[in-house]
Each structure stands twice: as C-alpha cells, then as structure tokens.
Amino acid sequence: MTTRRARRLAYGLCLFTAFLVWNGIFGLLVSRGEKQYLLDQARHELRLGPPASLPDRMRGTIRNGINEATRWAVVVFVLGAFSVWLATRPSTDEESPGRPGGLLDD
C-alpha cells in the first residue's frame, strides 16, 4: 500500500469514526428527550405539572441533539485527522538521519 493510499484510508477511518460518534450522541440525546416527555406526561396526569407536548419537546431535543452531536463529531474528526497528519509528515529531525519520517512511510 502506498503512503498516499494509507493516508486516505486513515482519513476515511477518521471520518467514519466521527459519523459513528455523531449517530451515538444524537441517539442518546433523542432518547433522553423521549424520556423527559414521558416524565412530563406522567406529572401532568398526576396533576403536578402542565400538559406535555411531544412535538414541542422533540423539536427542541432534535435541534439540541444535532448541535451537540455535530460538535463532538467535529472534535473527533479534527483530532483524528491531526493525528494522521502528525504521523505522516516528513521528519525534520537532523540528529537522527536514519529515523523514518512518519509511521506510514514506504
């Protein structure tokens, strides 16, 4: 495998990992919103709170879930891509001429 192909594969893995993180966090936050709606509805039925509205609860939950999941996915991708860049950059260390430039060199 060439260095260029290995680097592309590593960036692709970073992107795929960010996608998985996005889906996981979004799913977690949406499930929390659903549970909160059920709690609000139970409180209403016990006459301890106002009526619960599923569309209103989920509108805010989905908006917040998208924002939070995107933030975390960007962090994961940027850190992964930076790691790939750091591992594959040419060496500038003059003290050890026999040292390879990066982890993915041919």
Protein backbone atom coordinates (compact mmCIF):
# COMPACT_ATOMS: atom_id res chain seq x y z
CA MET A 1 0.00 0.00 0.00
CA THR A 2 1.38 3.40 -0.92
CA THR A 3 1.75 6.18 1.61
CA ARG A 4 -0.87 8.26 -0.15
CA ARG A 5 -3.39 5.43 -0.13
CA ALA A 6 -2.69 4.63 3.53
CA ARG A 7 -3.17 8.30 4.42
CA ARG A 8 -6.50 8.42 2.56
CA LEU A 9 -7.63 5.27 4.33
CA ALA A 10 -6.67 6.77 7.71
CA TYR A 11 -8.61 9.98 6.95
CA GLY A 12 -11.57 7.85 5.86
CA LEU A 13 -11.44 5.98 9.16
CA CYS A 14 -11.42 9.31 10.99
CA LEU A 15 -14.49 10.38 9.06
CA PHE A 16 -16.26 7.07 9.71
CA THR A 17 -15.46 7.30 13.43
CA ALA A 18 -16.85 10.83 13.54
CA PHE A 19 -20.02 9.55 11.83
CA LEU A 20 -20.41 6.82 14.47
CA VAL A 21 -19.87 9.35 17.26
CA TRP A 22 -22.49 11.66 15.72
CA ASN A 23 -25.05 8.86 15.49
CA GLY A 24 -24.36 7.64 19.03
CA ILE A 25 -24.62 11.04 20.68
CA PHE A 26 -27.67 12.06 18.66
CA GLY A 27 -29.45 8.82 19.55
CA LEU A 28 -28.60 9.22 23.21
CA LEU A 29 -29.90 12.77 23.37
CA VAL A 30 -33.11 11.95 21.48
CA SER A 31 -33.82 9.05 23.83
CA ARG A 32 -33.33 11.42 26.78
CA GLY A 33 -35.85 13.80 25.22
CA GLU A 34 -38.35 10.97 24.84
CA LYS A 35 -37.91 10.01 28.50
CA GLN A 36 -38.35 13.62 29.54
CA TYR A 37 -41.61 13.82 27.59
CA LEU A 38 -42.88 10.67 29.33
CA LEU A 39 -41.93 12.14 32.71
CA ASP A 40 -43.71 15.42 31.90
CA GLN A 41 -46.78 13.50 30.75
CA ALA A 42 -46.83 11.42 33.96
CA ARG A 43 -46.55 14.60 36.05
CA HIS A 44 -49.46 16.09 34.12
CA GLU A 45 -51.60 13.00 34.69
CA LEU A 46 -50.86 13.29 38.43
CA ARG A 47 -51.81 16.98 38.24
CA LEU A 48 -48.31 18.05 39.19
CA GLY A 49 -47.49 19.96 36.02
CA PRO A 50 -48.73 21.42 32.75
CA PRO A 51 -49.72 19.22 29.80
CA ALA A 52 -46.81 17.74 27.87
CA SER A 53 -46.43 18.31 24.13
CA LEU A 54 -44.45 15.70 22.23
CA PRO A 55 -43.86 17.87 19.12
CA ASP A 56 -42.60 20.77 21.23
CA ARG A 57 -40.36 18.56 23.35
CA MET A 58 -38.89 16.74 20.35
CA ARG A 59 -38.36 19.90 18.29
CA GLY A 60 -36.01 21.29 20.92
CA THR A 61 -34.49 17.90 21.63
CA ILE A 62 -33.65 17.24 17.98
CA ARG A 63 -32.21 20.73 17.49
CA ASN A 64 -30.02 20.40 20.58
CA GLY A 65 -29.09 16.83 19.64
CA ILE A 66 -27.91 17.89 16.19
CA ASN A 67 -25.81 20.71 17.63
CA GLU A 68 -24.21 18.63 20.37
CA ALA A 69 -23.58 15.58 18.16
CA THR A 70 -22.05 17.76 15.44
CA ARG A 71 -19.76 19.44 17.96
CA TRP A 72 -18.45 16.11 19.23
CA ALA A 73 -18.11 14.62 15.74
CA VAL A 74 -16.06 17.62 14.60
CA VAL A 75 -13.77 17.29 17.62
CA VAL A 76 -13.26 13.57 16.95
CA PHE A 77 -12.57 14.14 13.24
CA VAL A 78 -10.18 17.05 13.80
CA LEU A 79 -8.19 15.16 16.43
CA GLY A 80 -8.05 12.04 14.25
CA ALA A 81 -7.05 13.98 11.14
CA PHE A 82 -4.40 15.86 13.10
CA SER A 83 -3.03 12.53 14.34
CA VAL A 84 -2.83 11.21 10.77
CA TRP A 85 -1.14 14.40 9.61
CA LEU A 86 1.30 14.27 12.53
CA ALA A 87 2.16 10.61 11.89
CA THR A 88 2.72 11.07 8.16
CA ARG A 89 4.57 14.38 7.99
CA PRO A 90 8.19 14.35 6.86
CA SER A 91 10.79 14.28 9.59
CA THR A 92 12.72 17.47 10.33
CA ASP A 93 14.91 15.84 13.00
CA GLU A 94 18.52 16.37 11.87
CA GLU A 95 20.03 14.49 14.84
CA SER A 96 18.85 11.03 13.75
CA PRO A 97 19.24 10.70 9.96
CA GLY A 98 18.24 7.01 9.99
CA ARG A 99 14.85 7.68 11.53
CA PRO A 100 11.89 7.31 9.12
CA GLY A 101 9.77 10.40 8.50
CA GLY A 102 6.45 9.01 9.63
CA LEU A 103 4.60 5.91 10.69
CA LEU A 104 3.13 5.28 7.24
CA ASP A 105 6.26 5.75 5.10
CA ASP A 106 7.03 3.14 2.46
